[in-house]
PDB file of N, CA and C in Angstrom:
ATOM      1  N   MET A   1      12.521 -12.868  24.631  1.00  0.00           N
ATOM      2  CA  MET A   1      12.645 -13.665  22.996  1.00  0.00           C
ATOM      3  C   MET A   1      12.476 -12.031  22.417  1.00  0.00           C
ATOM      4  N   ASN A   2      13.697 -11.716  21.781  1.00  0.00           N
ATOM      5  CA  ASN A   2      14.090  -9.936  20.880  1.00  0.00           C
ATOM      6  C   ASN A   2      13.423 -10.493  19.540  1.00  0.00           C
ATOM      7  N   ASN A   3      12.540 -10.137  19.277  1.00  0.00           N
ATOM      8  CA  ASN A   3      11.581 -10.103  17.886  1.00  0.00           C
ATOM      9  C   ASN A   3      12.140  -8.923  17.031  1.00  0.00           C
ATOM     10  N   THR A   4      13.058  -9.128  16.058  1.00  0.00           N
ATOM     11  CA  THR A   4      13.168  -8.250  15.037  1.00  0.00           C
ATOM     12  C   THR A   4      11.855  -7.624  14.458  1.00  0.00           C
ATOM     13  N   GLU A   5      12.218  -6.864  13.960  1.00  0.00           N
ATOM     14  CA  GLU A   5      11.147  -5.886  12.927  1.00  0.00           C
ATOM     15  C   GLU A   5      10.178  -6.774  11.849  1.00  0.00           C
ATOM     16  N   GLN A   6      11.157  -7.467  11.246  1.00  0.00           N
ATOM     17  CA  GLN A   6      10.439  -8.469  10.224  1.00  0.00           C
ATOM     18  C   GLN A   6       9.455  -9.409  10.710  1.00  0.00           C
ATOM     19  N   GLN A   7       9.929  -9.897  11.633  1.00  0.00           N
ATOM     20  CA  GLN A   7       9.080 -11.028  12.808  1.00  0.00           C
ATOM     21  C   GLN A   7       7.754 -10.649  13.210  1.00  0.00           C
ATOM     22  N   LEU A   8       8.263  -9.726  14.368  1.00  0.00           N
ATOM     23  CA  LEU A   8       6.638  -8.809  14.046  1.00  0.00           C
ATOM     24  C   LEU A   8       5.798  -8.215  13.127  1.00  0.00           C
ATOM     25  N   PHE A   9       6.381  -7.481  12.129  1.00  0.00           N
ATOM     26  CA  PHE A   9       5.465  -7.628  10.744  1.00  0.00           C
ATOM     27  C   PHE A   9       4.874  -8.881  10.309  1.00  0.00           C
ATOM     28  N   LEU A  10       5.452 -10.150  10.264  1.00  0.00           N
ATOM     29  CA  LEU A  10       5.223 -11.410   9.838  1.00  0.00           C
ATOM     30  C   LEU A  10       4.344 -12.017  10.749  1.00  0.00           C
ATOM     31  N   GLN A  11       4.320 -11.664  12.442  1.00  0.00           N
ATOM     32  CA  GLN A  11       3.183 -12.213  12.878  1.00  0.00           C
ATOM     33  C   GLN A  11       2.144 -11.314  13.267  1.00  0.00           C
ATOM     34  N   PHE A  12       2.097  -9.930  12.795  1.00  0.00           N
ATOM     35  CA  PHE A  12       0.924  -8.988  12.831  1.00  0.00           C
ATOM     36  C   PHE A  12       0.192  -9.924  11.615  1.00  0.00           C
ATOM     37  N   TYR A  13       0.922  -9.299   9.956  1.00  0.00           N
ATOM     38  CA  TYR A  13       0.685  -9.998   8.950  1.00  0.00           C
ATOM     39  C   TYR A  13      -0.265 -11.041   8.813  1.00  0.00           C
ATOM     40  N   ASN A  14       0.159 -12.335  10.265  1.00  0.00           N
ATOM     41  CA  ASN A  14      -0.389 -13.568   9.866  1.00  0.00           C
ATOM     42  C   ASN A  14      -1.722 -13.568  10.997  1.00  0.00           C
ATOM     43  N   SER A  15      -1.899 -12.453  11.536  1.00  0.00           N
ATOM     44  CA  SER A  15      -3.319 -12.506  11.956  1.00  0.00           C
ATOM     45  C   SER A  15      -4.127 -11.861  11.769  1.00  0.00           C
ATOM     46  N   LEU A  16      -3.955 -11.345  10.372  1.00  0.00           N
ATOM     47  CA  LEU A  16      -5.119 -10.283   9.848  1.00  0.00           C
ATOM     48  C   LEU A  16      -5.893 -11.697   8.607  1.00  0.00           C
ATOM     49  N   ALA A  17      -7.598 -11.004   8.673  1.00  0.00           N
ATOM     50  CA  ALA A  17      -7.904 -12.149   7.872  1.00  0.00           C
ATOM     51  C   ALA A  17      -7.682 -11.941   5.825  1.00  0.00           C
ATOM     52  N   PRO A  18      -7.284 -13.492   5.618  1.00  0.00           N
ATOM     53  CA  PRO A  18      -6.826 -13.849   4.008  1.00  0.00           C
ATOM     54  C   PRO A  18      -7.344 -12.728   3.634  1.00  0.00           C
ATOM     55  N   GLU A  19      -8.295 -11.380   3.400  1.00  0.00           N
ATOM     56  CA  GLU A  19      -8.829 -10.689   2.685  1.00  0.00           C
ATOM     57  C   GLU A  19      -8.160  -9.737   2.414  1.00  0.00           C
ATOM     58  N   VAL A  20      -7.756  -9.266   3.971  1.00  0.00           N
ATOM     59  CA  VAL A  20      -7.130  -8.386   4.450  1.00  0.00           C
ATOM     60  C   VAL A  20      -5.137  -8.512   4.309  1.00  0.00           C
ATOM     61  N   GLN A  21      -4.861 -10.159   3.664  1.00  0.00           N
ATOM     62  CA  GLN A  21      -3.560 -10.395   3.332  1.00  0.00           C
ATOM     63  C   GLN A  21      -3.628  -9.669   2.212  1.00  0.00           C
ATOM     64  N   ARG A  22      -4.655 -10.104   0.965  1.00  0.00           N
ATOM     65  CA  ARG A  22      -4.724 -10.289   0.007  1.00  0.00           C
ATOM     66  C   ARG A  22      -4.794  -8.674  -0.924  1.00  0.00           C
ATOM     67  N   ASP A  23      -5.339  -7.583   0.299  1.00  0.00           N
ATOM     68  CA  ASP A  23      -5.842  -6.272  -0.516  1.00  0.00           C
ATOM     69  C   ASP A  23      -3.851  -6.010  -0.065  1.00  0.00           C
ATOM     70  N   ILE A  24      -2.816  -6.424   0.952  1.00  0.00           N
ATOM     71  CA  ILE A  24      -1.598  -5.413   1.060  1.00  0.00           C
ATOM     72  C   ILE A  24      -1.000  -6.010   0.383  1.00  0.00           C
ATOM     73  N   LYS A  25      -0.845  -7.212   0.230  1.00  0.00           N
ATOM     74  CA  LYS A  25      -0.164  -8.170  -1.410  1.00  0.00           C
ATOM     75  C   LYS A  25      -0.383  -7.123  -2.387  1.00  0.00           C
ATOM     76  N   HIS A  26      -1.281  -7.026  -2.638  1.00  0.00           N
ATOM     77  CA  HIS A  26      -2.213  -6.247  -4.025  1.00  0.00           C
ATOM     78  C   HIS A  26      -1.495  -4.662  -4.151  1.00  0.00           C
ATOM     79  N   TYR A  27      -1.669  -3.809  -2.310  1.00  0.00           N
ATOM     80  CA  TYR A  27      -1.288  -2.584  -2.769  1.00  0.00           C
ATOM     81  C   TYR A  27      -0.037  -2.336  -3.289  1.00  0.00           C
ATOM     82  N   LEU A  28       0.974  -3.504  -2.483  1.00  0.00           N
ATOM     83  CA  LEU A  28       2.341  -3.591  -2.121  1.00  0.00           C
ATOM     84  C   LEU A  28       2.709  -3.515  -3.741  1.00  0.00           C
ATOM     85  N   PHE A  29       2.290  -4.570  -4.709  1.00  0.00           N
ATOM     86  CA  PHE A  29       2.312  -4.885  -5.814  1.00  0.00           C
ATOM     87  C   PHE A  29       2.015  -4.010  -6.764  1.00  0.00           C
ATOM     88  N   VAL A  30       0.949  -3.352  -6.655  1.00  0.00           N
ATOM     89  CA  VAL A  30       0.811  -1.681  -7.091  1.00  0.00           C
ATOM     90  C   VAL A  30       1.348  -0.695  -7.001  1.00  0.00           C
ATOM     91  N   TYR A  31       1.990  -0.670  -5.779  1.00  0.00           N
ATOM     92  CA  TYR A  31       2.602   0.562  -5.250  1.00  0.00           C
ATOM     93  C   TYR A  31       4.022   0.792  -5.999  1.00  0.00           C
ATOM     94  N   ASP A  32       4.448  -0.959  -6.046  1.00  0.00           N
ATOM     95  CA  ASP A  32       5.745  -1.133  -6.832  1.00  0.00           C
ATOM     96  C   ASP A  32       5.655  -0.664  -8.072  1.00  0.00           C
ATOM     97  N   MET A  33       4.911  -1.184  -8.713  1.00  0.00           N
ATOM     98  CA  MET A  33       4.475  -0.461 -10.541  1.00  0.00           C
ATOM     99  C   MET A  33       3.910   0.890 -10.385  1.00  0.00           C
ATOM    100  N   TYR A  34       3.386   1.578  -9.089  1.00  0.00           N
ATOM    101  CA  TYR A  34       3.245   3.215  -9.365  1.00  0.00           C
ATOM    102  C   TYR A  34       5.161   3.955  -9.567  1.00  0.00           C
ATOM    103  N   LEU A  35       5.975   2.999  -8.447  1.00  0.00           N
ATOM    104  CA  LEU A  35       6.966   3.854  -8.785  1.00  0.00           C
ATOM    105  C   LEU A  35       8.064   3.722  -9.753  1.00  0.00           C
ATOM    106  N   ASP A  36       7.782   2.459 -10.547  1.00  0.00           N
ATOM    107  CA  ASP A  36       8.845   2.165 -11.456  1.00  0.00           C
ATOM    108  C   ASP A  36       8.062   3.067 -12.632  1.00  0.00           C
ATOM    109  N   GLU A  37       6.733   3.388 -12.738  1.00  0.00           N
ATOM    110  CA  GLU A  37       6.071   3.811 -14.210  1.00  0.00           C
ATOM    111  C   GLU A  37       6.531   5.139 -14.728  1.00  0.00           C
ATOM    112  N   GLN A  38       6.481   5.301 -15.753  1.00  0.00           N
ATOM    113  CA  GLN A  38       6.896   6.720 -16.335  1.00  0.00           C
ATOM    114  C   GLN A  38       5.745   7.493 -17.112  1.00  0.00           C
ATOM    115  N   ASN A  39       4.649   6.789 -17.079  1.00  0.00           N
ATOM    116  CA  ASN A  39       3.619   7.404 -18.198  1.00  0.00           C
ATOM    117  C   ASN A  39       2.863   7.634 -17.161  1.00  0.00           C
ATOM    118  N   PRO A  40       1.963   8.948 -17.200  1.00  0.00           N
ATOM    119  CA  PRO A  40       1.782   9.909 -16.669  1.00  0.00           C
ATOM    120  C   PRO A  40       0.084   9.463 -16.492  1.00  0.00           C
ATOM    121  N   LYS A  41      -0.719   9.035 -17.539  1.00  0.00           N
ATOM    122  CA  LYS A  41      -1.610   8.171 -17.594  1.00  0.00           C
ATOM    123  C   LYS A  41      -1.911   6.840 -16.489  1.00  0.00           C
ATOM    124  N   ALA A  42      -0.605   5.781 -17.015  1.00  0.00           N
ATOM    125  CA  ALA A  42      -0.885   4.543 -16.130  1.00  0.00           C
ATOM    126  C   ALA A  42      -0.356   4.793 -14.978  1.00  0.00           C
ATOM    127  N   ARG A  43       0.483   5.846 -14.349  1.00  0.00           N
ATOM    128  CA  ARG A  43       0.782   6.245 -13.257  1.00  0.00           C
ATOM    129  C   ARG A  43      -0.967   6.801 -12.118  1.00  0.00           C
ATOM    130  N   GLU A  44      -1.636   7.206 -13.252  1.00  0.00           N
ATOM    131  CA  GLU A  44      -2.845   7.956 -12.208  1.00  0.00           C
ATOM    132  C   GLU A  44      -3.892   6.713 -12.454  1.00  0.00           C
ATOM    133  N   THR A  45      -3.680   6.004 -13.067  1.00  0.00           N
ATOM    134  CA  THR A  45      -4.513   4.536 -13.186  1.00  0.00           C
ATOM    135  C   THR A  45      -4.159   3.679 -12.132  1.00  0.00           C
ATOM    136  N   LEU A  46      -2.666   3.488 -11.777  1.00  0.00           N
ATOM    137  CA  LEU A  46      -2.631   2.971 -10.651  1.00  0.00           C
ATOM    138  C   LEU A  46      -2.680   3.657  -9.484  1.00  0.00           C
ATOM    139  N   LEU A  47      -2.181   4.789  -9.073  1.00  0.00           N
ATOM    140  CA  LEU A  47      -2.663   5.778  -7.994  1.00  0.00           C
ATOM    141  C   LEU A  47      -4.638   5.471  -7.318  1.00  0.00           C
ATOM    142  N   GLY A  48      -5.217   5.513  -8.668  1.00  0.00           N
ATOM    143  CA  GLY A  48      -6.714   5.367  -8.661  1.00  0.00           C
ATOM    144  C   GLY A  48      -6.875   4.399  -7.562  1.00  0.00           C
ATOM    145  N   GLU A  49      -5.878   2.796  -8.215  1.00  0.00           N
ATOM    146  CA  GLU A  49      -6.261   1.662  -8.029  1.00  0.00           C
ATOM    147  C   GLU A  49      -5.860   1.814  -5.831  1.00  0.00           C
ATOM    148  N   MET A  50      -4.818   2.333  -5.824  1.00  0.00           N
ATOM    149  CA  MET A  50      -4.236   2.793  -4.470  1.00  0.00           C
ATOM    150  C   MET A  50      -5.152   3.554  -3.563  1.00  0.00           C
ATOM    151  N   ASN A  51      -5.692   4.828  -4.185  1.00  0.00           N
ATOM    152  CA  ASN A  51      -6.293   5.188  -3.552  1.00  0.00           C
ATOM    153  C   ASN A  51      -7.991   4.317  -2.819  1.00  0.00           C
ATOM    154  N   MET A  52      -8.377   3.375  -3.990  1.00  0.00           N
ATOM    155  CA  MET A  52      -9.550   2.911  -3.744  1.00  0.00           C
ATOM    156  C   MET A  52      -9.677   1.349  -2.240  1.00  0.00           C
ATOM    157  N   LEU A  53      -7.916   0.909  -2.239  1.00  0.00           N
ATOM    158  CA  LEU A  53      -7.424   0.699  -1.304  1.00  0.00           C
ATOM    159  C   LEU A  53      -7.554   1.066  -0.079  1.00  0.00           C
ATOM    160  N   GLU A  54      -6.749   2.658  -0.291  1.00  0.00           N
ATOM    161  CA  GLU A  54      -6.734   3.399   1.193  1.00  0.00           C
ATOM    162  C   GLU A  54      -8.138   3.785   1.272  1.00  0.00           C
ATOM    163  N   ARG A  55      -9.183   4.101   0.861  1.00  0.00           N
ATOM    164  CA  ARG A  55     -10.503   4.565   1.160  1.00  0.00           C
ATOM    165  C   ARG A  55     -11.013   3.560   1.955  1.00  0.00           C
ATOM    166  N   LYS A  56     -11.102   1.563   1.729  1.00  0.00           N
ATOM    167  CA  LYS A  56     -11.721   0.794   1.759  1.00  0.00           C
ATOM    168  C   LYS A  56     -11.215   0.190   3.408  1.00  0.00           C
ATOM    169  N   TYR A  57      -9.800   1.520   3.607  1.00  0.00           N
ATOM    170  CA  TYR A  57      -9.278   1.143   5.503  1.00  0.00           C
ATOM    171  C   TYR A  57      -9.145   1.980   5.438  1.00  0.00           C
ATOM    172  N   ASN A  58      -9.565   3.143   5.656  1.00  0.00           N
ATOM    173  CA  ASN A  58      -9.190   4.551   5.870  1.00  0.00           C
ATOM    174  C   ASN A  58      -7.977   4.870   6.310  1.00  0.00           C
ATOM    175  N   LEU A  59      -6.693   4.814   5.240  1.00  0.00           N
ATOM    176  CA  LEU A  59      -5.924   5.124   4.993  1.00  0.00           C
ATOM    177  C   LEU A  59      -5.196   6.676   4.720  1.00  0.00           C
ATOM    178  N   GLU A  60      -4.580   7.099   5.107  1.00  0.00           N
ATOM    179  CA  GLU A  60      -4.632   8.381   4.689  1.00  0.00           C
ATOM    180  C   GLU A  60      -3.150   8.693   4.156  1.00  0.00           C
ATOM    181  N   VAL A  61      -2.550   8.737   2.843  1.00  0.00           N
ATOM    182  CA  VAL A  61      -1.454   8.921   2.145  1.00  0.00           C
ATOM    183  C   VAL A  61      -0.891   9.489   1.446  1.00  0.00           C
ATOM    184  N   THR A  62      -0.491   9.829   1.477  1.00  0.00           N
ATOM    185  CA  THR A  62       0.738  11.436   0.310  1.00  0.00           C
ATOM    186  C   THR A  62       1.402  10.843  -0.792  1.00  0.00           C
ATOM    187  N   HIS A  63       2.055   9.231  -0.633  1.00  0.00           N
ATOM    188  CA  HIS A  63       2.965   9.278  -2.143  1.00  0.00           C
ATOM    189  C   HIS A  63       3.718   9.987  -1.945  1.00  0.00           C
ATOM    190  N   GLY A  64       4.652  10.480  -0.922  1.00  0.00           N
ATOM    191  CA  GLY A  64       5.831  11.193  -0.885  1.00  0.00           C
ATOM    192  C   GLY A  64       5.962  12.448  -1.020  1.00  0.00           C
ATOM    193  N   ASN A  65       4.384  12.687  -1.712  1.00  0.00           N
ATOM    194  CA  ASN A  65       4.650  14.646  -2.191  1.00  0.00           C
ATOM    195  C   ASN A  65       3.565  15.325  -0.570  1.00  0.00           C
ATOM    196  N   LYS A  66       5.094  15.830   0.181  1.00  0.00           N
ATOM    197  CA  LYS A  66       5.081  15.891   1.627  1.00  0.00           C
ATOM    198  C   LYS A  66       3.718  17.928   1.357  1.00  0.00           C
ATOM    199  N   ASN A  67       3.821  18.112  -0.011  1.00  0.00           N
ATOM    200  CA  ASN A  67       2.848  19.381  -0.177  1.00  0.00           C
ATOM    201  C   ASN A  67       1.735  19.500  -0.561  1.00  0.00           C
ATOM    202  N   THR A  68       1.037  17.600  -0.998  1.00  0.00           N
ATOM    203  CA  THR A  68       0.212  17.983  -1.339  1.00  0.00           C
ATOM    204  C   THR A  68      -1.333  17.759   0.228  1.00  0.00           C
ATOM    205  N   GLN A  69      -1.905  18.153  -0.243  1.00  0.00           N
ATOM    206  CA  GLN A  69      -3.094  18.808   1.067  1.00  0.00           C
ATOM    207  C   GLN A  69      -4.203  18.284   0.821  1.00  0.00           C
ATOM    208  N   ARG A  70      -4.619  17.491   1.854  1.00  0.00           N
ATOM    209  CA  ARG A  70      -6.023  16.977   1.460  1.00  0.00           C
ATOM    210  C   ARG A  70      -7.161  17.020   2.007  1.00  0.00           C
TER     211      ARG A  70
END
């Protein structure tokens, strides 16, 4: 059986704990807002929210800035 990437992702996603699923939904929602936001202060607040979730799950993300060093 050939699964598409979407089917594979959904299988993976559905196997996660409900708390992790909520955090993924929240992260994607905040990230979408971050991409659309023009106000630097609001972007900083949204980035802080994303960073909090990234730390919770030990993620390393540069948000598109290839020159940023951590």
